[in-house]
Amino acid sequence: MSLAAAATSEAQVDRLFARWAGPGRPGAAVAVVERGTVAPRRFYGQSSLEHAIPIDGDTGFCIDSISKHL
């Protein structure tokens, strides 16, 4: 992926997740995988609203049932 294409992809992801961005908002972590390569990795909002902890690359998520095979 070219640098221009990566920047465009990141901007598109940022627009899709804009409502989760910023302090005081429950958040999300997004990774786009293209041909086996993680092409943007973006973090939005907070993992704990009570403690104002932002989501970052080290945030763990409990995904339970959505990780099961159908």
PDB file of N, CA and C in Angstrom:
ATOM      1  N   MET A   1       0.859  -1.172   0.000  1.00  0.00           N
ATOM      2  CA  MET A   1       0.000   0.000   0.000  1.00  0.00           C
ATOM      3  C   MET A   1       0.900   1.228   0.000  1.00  0.00           C
ATOM      4  N   SER A   2       0.606   2.166  -0.871  1.00  0.00           N
ATOM      5  CA  SER A   2       1.398   3.394  -0.950  1.00  0.00           C
ATOM      6  C   SER A   2       1.111   4.292   0.252  1.00  0.00           C
ATOM      7  N   LEU A   3       1.982   5.242   0.493  1.00  0.00           N
ATOM      8  CA  LEU A   3       1.768   6.174   1.599  1.00  0.00           C
ATOM      9  C   LEU A   3       0.494   6.991   1.400  1.00  0.00           C
ATOM     10  N   ALA A   4       0.219   7.380   0.161  1.00  0.00           N
ATOM     11  CA  ALA A   4      -1.001   8.150  -0.121  1.00  0.00           C
ATOM     12  C   ALA A   4      -2.243   7.307   0.144  1.00  0.00           C
ATOM     13  N   ALA A   5      -2.215   6.043  -0.261  1.00  0.00           N
ATOM     14  CA  ALA A   5      -3.354   5.149  -0.030  1.00  0.00           C
ATOM     15  C   ALA A   5      -3.540   4.897   1.460  1.00  0.00           C
ATOM     16  N   ALA A   6      -2.449   4.733   2.192  1.00  0.00           N
ATOM     17  CA  ALA A   6      -2.538   4.526   3.649  1.00  0.00           C
ATOM     18  C   ALA A   6      -3.134   5.747   4.322  1.00  0.00           C
ATOM     19  N   ALA A   7      -2.724   6.939   3.902  1.00  0.00           N
ATOM     20  CA  ALA A   7      -3.269   8.167   4.493  1.00  0.00           C
ATOM     21  C   ALA A   7      -4.755   8.291   4.195  1.00  0.00           C
ATOM     22  N   THR A   8      -5.157   7.922   2.987  1.00  0.00           N
ATOM     23  CA  THR A   8      -6.579   7.956   2.621  1.00  0.00           C
ATOM     24  C   THR A   8      -7.359   6.967   3.460  1.00  0.00           C
ATOM     25  N   SER A   9      -6.827   5.761   3.648  1.00  0.00           N
ATOM     26  CA  SER A   9      -7.494   4.744   4.468  1.00  0.00           C
ATOM     27  C   SER A   9      -7.642   5.219   5.906  1.00  0.00           C
ATOM     28  N   GLU A  10      -6.594   5.806   6.462  1.00  0.00           N
ATOM     29  CA  GLU A  10      -6.655   6.310   7.829  1.00  0.00           C
ATOM     30  C   GLU A  10      -7.703   7.408   7.959  1.00  0.00           C
ATOM     31  N   ALA A  11      -7.784   8.295   6.987  1.00  0.00           N
ATOM     32  CA  ALA A  11      -8.776   9.374   7.020  1.00  0.00           C
ATOM     33  C   ALA A  11     -10.194   8.810   6.951  1.00  0.00           C
ATOM     34  N   GLN A  12     -10.389   7.770   6.150  1.00  0.00           N
ATOM     35  CA  GLN A  12     -11.712   7.140   6.043  1.00  0.00           C
ATOM     36  C   GLN A  12     -12.103   6.480   7.361  1.00  0.00           C
ATOM     37  N   VAL A  13     -11.168   5.780   7.983  1.00  0.00           N
ATOM     38  CA  VAL A  13     -11.434   5.140   9.269  1.00  0.00           C
ATOM     39  C   VAL A  13     -11.718   6.201  10.326  1.00  0.00           C
ATOM     40  N   ASP A  14     -10.942   7.282  10.327  1.00  0.00           N
ATOM     41  CA  ASP A  14     -11.173   8.374  11.285  1.00  0.00           C
ATOM     42  C   ASP A  14     -12.586   8.946  11.142  1.00  0.00           C
ATOM     43  N   ARG A  15     -13.052   9.120   9.908  1.00  0.00           N
ATOM     44  CA  ARG A  15     -14.408   9.640   9.701  1.00  0.00           C
ATOM     45  C   ARG A  15     -15.457   8.656  10.223  1.00  0.00           C
ATOM     46  N   LEU A  16     -15.267   7.370   9.982  1.00  0.00           N
ATOM     47  CA  LEU A  16     -16.231   6.364  10.441  1.00  0.00           C
ATOM     48  C   LEU A  16     -16.320   6.288  11.962  1.00  0.00           C
ATOM     49  N   PHE A  17     -15.205   6.508  12.648  1.00  0.00           N
ATOM     50  CA  PHE A  17     -15.170   6.360  14.096  1.00  0.00           C
ATOM     51  C   PHE A  17     -15.113   7.691  14.843  1.00  0.00           C
ATOM     52  N   ALA A  18     -15.408   8.783  14.179  1.00  0.00           N
ATOM     53  CA  ALA A  18     -15.322  10.117  14.784  1.00  0.00           C
ATOM     54  C   ALA A  18     -16.169  10.242  16.042  1.00  0.00           C
ATOM     55  N   ARG A  19     -17.323   9.583  16.092  1.00  0.00           N
ATOM     56  CA  ARG A  19     -18.178   9.730  17.279  1.00  0.00           C
ATOM     57  C   ARG A  19     -17.580   9.081  18.523  1.00  0.00           C
ATOM     58  N   TRP A  20     -16.600   8.202  18.358  1.00  0.00           N
ATOM     59  CA  TRP A  20     -15.948   7.564  19.495  1.00  0.00           C
ATOM     60  C   TRP A  20     -14.644   8.255  19.881  1.00  0.00           C
ATOM     61  N   ALA A  21     -14.227   9.250  19.140  1.00  0.00           N
ATOM     62  CA  ALA A  21     -12.951   9.926  19.400  1.00  0.00           C
ATOM     63  C   ALA A  21     -13.098  10.926  20.545  1.00  0.00           C
ATOM     64  N   GLY A  22     -12.021  11.118  21.265  1.00  0.00           N
ATOM     65  CA  GLY A  22     -11.987  12.153  22.291  1.00  0.00           C
ATOM     66  C   GLY A  22     -12.234  11.664  23.691  1.00  0.00           C
ATOM     67  N   PRO A  23     -11.857  12.484  24.655  1.00  0.00           N
ATOM     68  CA  PRO A  23     -12.042  12.125  26.056  1.00  0.00           C
ATOM     69  C   PRO A  23     -13.522  12.090  26.427  1.00  0.00           C
ATOM     70  N   GLY A  24     -13.842  11.249  27.407  1.00  0.00           N
ATOM     71  CA  GLY A  24     -15.215  11.154  27.885  1.00  0.00           C
ATOM     72  C   GLY A  24     -16.128  10.352  26.985  1.00  0.00           C
ATOM     73  N   ARG A  25     -15.567   9.622  26.050  1.00  0.00           N
ATOM     74  CA  ARG A  25     -16.364   8.823  25.120  1.00  0.00           C
ATOM     75  C   ARG A  25     -15.929   7.363  25.198  1.00  0.00           C
ATOM     76  N   PRO A  26     -16.887   6.442  25.251  1.00  0.00           N
ATOM     77  CA  PRO A  26     -16.491   5.039  25.164  1.00  0.00           C
ATOM     78  C   PRO A  26     -15.844   4.834  23.801  1.00  0.00           C
ATOM     79  N   GLY A  27     -14.904   3.956  23.714  1.00  0.00           N
ATOM     80  CA  GLY A  27     -14.103   3.909  22.497  1.00  0.00           C
ATOM     81  C   GLY A  27     -14.097   2.618  21.721  1.00  0.00           C
ATOM     82  N   ALA A  28     -13.147   2.586  20.795  1.00  0.00           N
ATOM     83  CA  ALA A  28     -12.974   1.451  19.892  1.00  0.00           C
ATOM     84  C   ALA A  28     -11.522   1.412  19.432  1.00  0.00           C
ATOM     85  N   ALA A  29     -11.084   0.226  19.071  1.00  0.00           N
ATOM     86  CA  ALA A  29      -9.792   0.047  18.426  1.00  0.00           C
ATOM     87  C   ALA A  29     -10.077  -0.587  17.078  1.00  0.00           C
ATOM     88  N   VAL A  30      -9.393  -0.122  16.055  1.00  0.00           N
ATOM     89  CA  VAL A  30      -9.658  -0.585  14.690  1.00  0.00           C
ATOM     90  C   VAL A  30      -8.340  -0.972  14.035  1.00  0.00           C
ATOM     91  N   ALA A  31      -8.327  -2.146  13.433  1.00  0.00           N
ATOM     92  CA  ALA A  31      -7.180  -2.561  12.624  1.00  0.00           C
ATOM     93  C   ALA A  31      -7.717  -3.033  11.280  1.00  0.00           C
ATOM     94  N   VAL A  32      -7.176  -2.491  10.223  1.00  0.00           N
ATOM     95  CA  VAL A  32      -7.559  -2.902   8.876  1.00  0.00           C
ATOM     96  C   VAL A  32      -6.448  -3.799   8.358  1.00  0.00           C
ATOM     97  N   VAL A  33      -6.814  -5.006   7.934  1.00  0.00           N
ATOM     98  CA  VAL A  33      -5.825  -5.948   7.423  1.00  0.00           C
ATOM     99  C   VAL A  33      -6.026  -6.091   5.918  1.00  0.00           C
ATOM    100  N   GLU A  34      -4.963  -5.823   5.177  1.00  0.00           N
ATOM    101  CA  GLU A  34      -5.013  -5.925   3.727  1.00  0.00           C
ATOM    102  C   GLU A  34      -3.890  -6.830   3.259  1.00  0.00           C
ATOM    103  N   ARG A  35      -4.255  -7.951   2.655  1.00  0.00           N
ATOM    104  CA  ARG A  35      -3.281  -8.935   2.167  1.00  0.00           C
ATOM    105  C   ARG A  35      -2.278  -9.349   3.245  1.00  0.00           C
ATOM    106  N   GLY A  36      -2.804  -9.556   4.451  1.00  0.00           N
ATOM    107  CA  GLY A  36      -1.978 -10.022   5.547  1.00  0.00           C
ATOM    108  C   GLY A  36      -1.167  -8.950   6.260  1.00  0.00           C
ATOM    109  N   THR A  37      -1.306  -7.709   5.831  1.00  0.00           N
ATOM    110  CA  THR A  37      -0.581  -6.603   6.449  1.00  0.00           C
ATOM    111  C   THR A  37      -1.564  -5.688   7.161  1.00  0.00           C
ATOM    112  N   VAL A  38      -1.236  -5.315   8.407  1.00  0.00           N
ATOM    113  CA  VAL A  38      -2.100  -4.388   9.138  1.00  0.00           C
ATOM    114  C   VAL A  38      -1.826  -3.002   8.579  1.00  0.00           C
ATOM    115  N   ALA A  39      -2.850  -2.447   7.966  1.00  0.00           N
ATOM    116  CA  ALA A  39      -2.687  -1.143   7.302  1.00  0.00           C
ATOM    117  C   ALA A  39      -3.329  -0.025   8.089  1.00  0.00           C
ATOM    118  N   PRO A  40      -4.182   0.620   8.467  1.00  0.00           N
ATOM    119  CA  PRO A  40      -3.982   1.441   9.663  1.00  0.00           C
ATOM    120  C   PRO A  40      -4.436   0.751  10.950  1.00  0.00           C
ATOM    121  N   ARG A  41      -3.839   1.143  11.993  1.00  0.00           N
ATOM    122  CA  ARG A  41      -4.253   0.743  13.344  1.00  0.00           C
ATOM    123  C   ARG A  41      -4.598   2.030  14.062  1.00  0.00           C
ATOM    124  N   ARG A  42      -5.847   2.165  14.468  1.00  0.00           N
ATOM    125  CA  ARG A  42      -6.301   3.432  15.049  1.00  0.00           C
ATOM    126  C   ARG A  42      -7.021   3.170  16.364  1.00  0.00           C
ATOM    127  N   PHE A  43      -6.967   4.132  17.283  1.00  0.00           N
ATOM    128  CA  PHE A  43      -7.576   4.001  18.599  1.00  0.00           C
ATOM    129  C   PHE A  43      -8.422   5.235  18.882  1.00  0.00           C
ATOM    130  N   TYR A  44      -9.608   5.014  19.440  1.00  0.00           N
ATOM    131  CA  TYR A  44     -10.555   6.101  19.675  1.00  0.00           C
ATOM    132  C   TYR A  44     -11.147   5.995  21.077  1.00  0.00           C
ATOM    133  N   GLY A  45     -11.337   7.124  21.740  1.00  0.00           N
ATOM    134  CA  GLY A  45     -12.044   7.167  23.008  1.00  0.00           C
ATOM    135  C   GLY A  45     -11.304   6.522  24.161  1.00  0.00           C
ATOM    136  N   GLN A  46     -12.095   6.121  25.163  1.00  0.00           N
ATOM    137  CA  GLN A  46     -11.515   5.626  26.406  1.00  0.00           C
ATOM    138  C   GLN A  46     -11.959   4.200  26.715  1.00  0.00           C
ATOM    139  N   SER A  47     -11.047   3.460  27.347  1.00  0.00           N
ATOM    140  CA  SER A  47     -11.384   2.107  27.785  1.00  0.00           C
ATOM    141  C   SER A  47     -12.083   2.149  29.140  1.00  0.00           C
ATOM    142  N   SER A  48     -11.865   3.205  29.915  1.00  0.00           N
ATOM    143  CA  SER A  48     -12.531   3.395  31.201  1.00  0.00           C
ATOM    144  C   SER A  48     -12.950   4.851  31.322  1.00  0.00           C
ATOM    145  N   LEU A  49     -14.248   5.085  31.290  1.00  0.00           N
ATOM    146  CA  LEU A  49     -14.734   6.451  31.453  1.00  0.00           C
ATOM    147  C   LEU A  49     -14.521   6.923  32.888  1.00  0.00           C
ATOM    148  N   GLU A  50     -14.698   6.005  33.837  1.00  0.00           N
ATOM    149  CA  GLU A  50     -14.550   6.341  35.248  1.00  0.00           C
ATOM    150  C   GLU A  50     -13.141   6.816  35.580  1.00  0.00           C
ATOM    151  N   HIS A  51     -12.142   6.168  34.982  1.00  0.00           N
ATOM    152  CA  HIS A  51     -10.751   6.493  35.294  1.00  0.00           C
ATOM    153  C   HIS A  51     -10.063   7.283  34.177  1.00  0.00           C
ATOM    154  N   ALA A  52     -10.812   7.658  33.144  1.00  0.00           N
ATOM    155  CA  ALA A  52     -10.284   8.454  32.016  1.00  0.00           C
ATOM    156  C   ALA A  52      -9.050   7.815  31.392  1.00  0.00           C
ATOM    157  N   ILE A  53      -9.132   6.514  31.107  1.00  0.00           N
ATOM    158  CA  ILE A  53      -8.010   5.793  30.501  1.00  0.00           C
ATOM    159  C   ILE A  53      -8.280   5.656  29.003  1.00  0.00           C
ATOM    160  N   PRO A  54      -7.412   6.236  28.179  1.00  0.00           N
ATOM    161  CA  PRO A  54      -7.628   6.151  26.736  1.00  0.00           C
ATOM    162  C   PRO A  54      -7.298   4.757  26.192  1.00  0.00           C
ATOM    163  N   ILE A  55      -7.930   4.406  25.096  1.00  0.00           N
ATOM    164  CA  ILE A  55      -7.608   3.156  24.405  1.00  0.00           C
ATOM    165  C   ILE A  55      -6.308   3.376  23.641  1.00  0.00           C
ATOM    166  N   ASP A  56      -5.402   2.384  23.726  1.00  0.00           N
ATOM    167  CA  ASP A  56      -4.154   2.444  22.971  1.00  0.00           C
ATOM    168  C   ASP A  56      -3.782   1.039  22.509  1.00  0.00           C
ATOM    169  N   GLY A  57      -2.599   0.892  21.986  1.00  0.00           N
ATOM    170  CA  GLY A  57      -2.148  -0.387  21.446  1.00  0.00           C
ATOM    171  C   GLY A  57      -1.998  -1.493  22.472  1.00  0.00           C
ATOM    172  N   ASP A  58      -1.994  -1.163  23.748  1.00  0.00           N
ATOM    173  CA  ASP A  58      -1.870  -2.159  24.808  1.00  0.00           C
ATOM    174  C   ASP A  58      -3.194  -2.484  25.491  1.00  0.00           C
ATOM    175  N   THR A  59      -4.287  -1.866  25.058  1.00  0.00           N
ATOM    176  CA  THR A  59      -5.591  -2.102  25.680  1.00  0.00           C
ATOM    177  C   THR A  59      -6.090  -3.504  25.336  1.00  0.00           C
ATOM    178  N   GLY A  60      -6.520  -4.229  26.357  1.00  0.00           N
ATOM    179  CA  GLY A  60      -7.088  -5.561  26.142  1.00  0.00           C
ATOM    180  C   GLY A  60      -8.602  -5.476  26.041  1.00  0.00           C
ATOM    181  N   PHE A  61      -9.186  -6.314  25.206  1.00  0.00           N
ATOM    182  CA  PHE A  61     -10.631  -6.346  25.033  1.00  0.00           C
ATOM    183  C   PHE A  61     -11.136  -7.756  25.280  1.00  0.00           C
ATOM    184  N   CYS A  62     -12.239  -7.886  25.980  1.00  0.00           N
ATOM    185  CA  CYS A  62     -12.891  -9.169  26.190  1.00  0.00           C
ATOM    186  C   CYS A  62     -13.890  -9.344  25.053  1.00  0.00           C
ATOM    187  N   ILE A  63     -13.593 -10.239  24.114  1.00  0.00           N
ATOM    188  CA  ILE A  63     -14.459 -10.377  22.944  1.00  0.00           C
ATOM    189  C   ILE A  63     -15.332 -11.631  22.971  1.00  0.00           C
ATOM    190  N   ASP A  64     -15.166 -12.471  23.974  1.00  0.00           N
ATOM    191  CA  ASP A  64     -15.974 -13.663  24.224  1.00  0.00           C
ATOM    192  C   ASP A  64     -16.669 -14.273  23.005  1.00  0.00           C
ATOM    193  N   SER A  65     -17.959 -14.152  22.935  1.00  0.00           N
ATOM    194  CA  SER A  65     -18.758 -14.878  21.948  1.00  0.00           C
ATOM    195  C   SER A  65     -18.463 -14.489  20.502  1.00  0.00           C
ATOM    196  N   ILE A  66     -18.035 -13.274  20.242  1.00  0.00           N
ATOM    197  CA  ILE A  66     -17.796 -12.907  18.854  1.00  0.00           C
ATOM    198  C   ILE A  66     -16.540 -13.548  18.290  1.00  0.00           C
ATOM    199  N   SER A  67     -15.725 -14.166  19.154  1.00  0.00           N
ATOM    200  CA  SER A  67     -14.522 -14.817  18.665  1.00  0.00           C
ATOM    201  C   SER A  67     -14.727 -16.295  18.350  1.00  0.00           C
ATOM    202  N   LYS A  68     -15.932 -16.800  18.579  1.00  0.00           N
ATOM    203  CA  LYS A  68     -16.214 -18.210  18.305  1.00  0.00           C
ATOM    204  C   LYS A  68     -16.486 -18.431  16.826  1.00  0.00           C
ATOM    205  N   HIS A  69     -16.136 -19.604  16.357  1.00  0.00           N
ATOM    206  CA  HIS A  69     -16.403 -19.951  14.955  1.00  0.00           C
ATOM    207  C   HIS A  69     -17.883 -20.272  14.798  1.00  0.00           C
ATOM    208  N   LEU A  70     -18.431 -19.868  13.684  1.00  0.00           N
ATOM    209  CA  LEU A  70     -19.840 -20.156  13.405  1.00  0.00           C
ATOM    210  C   LEU A  70     -20.005 -21.508  12.761  1.00  0.00           C
TER     211      LEU A  70
END
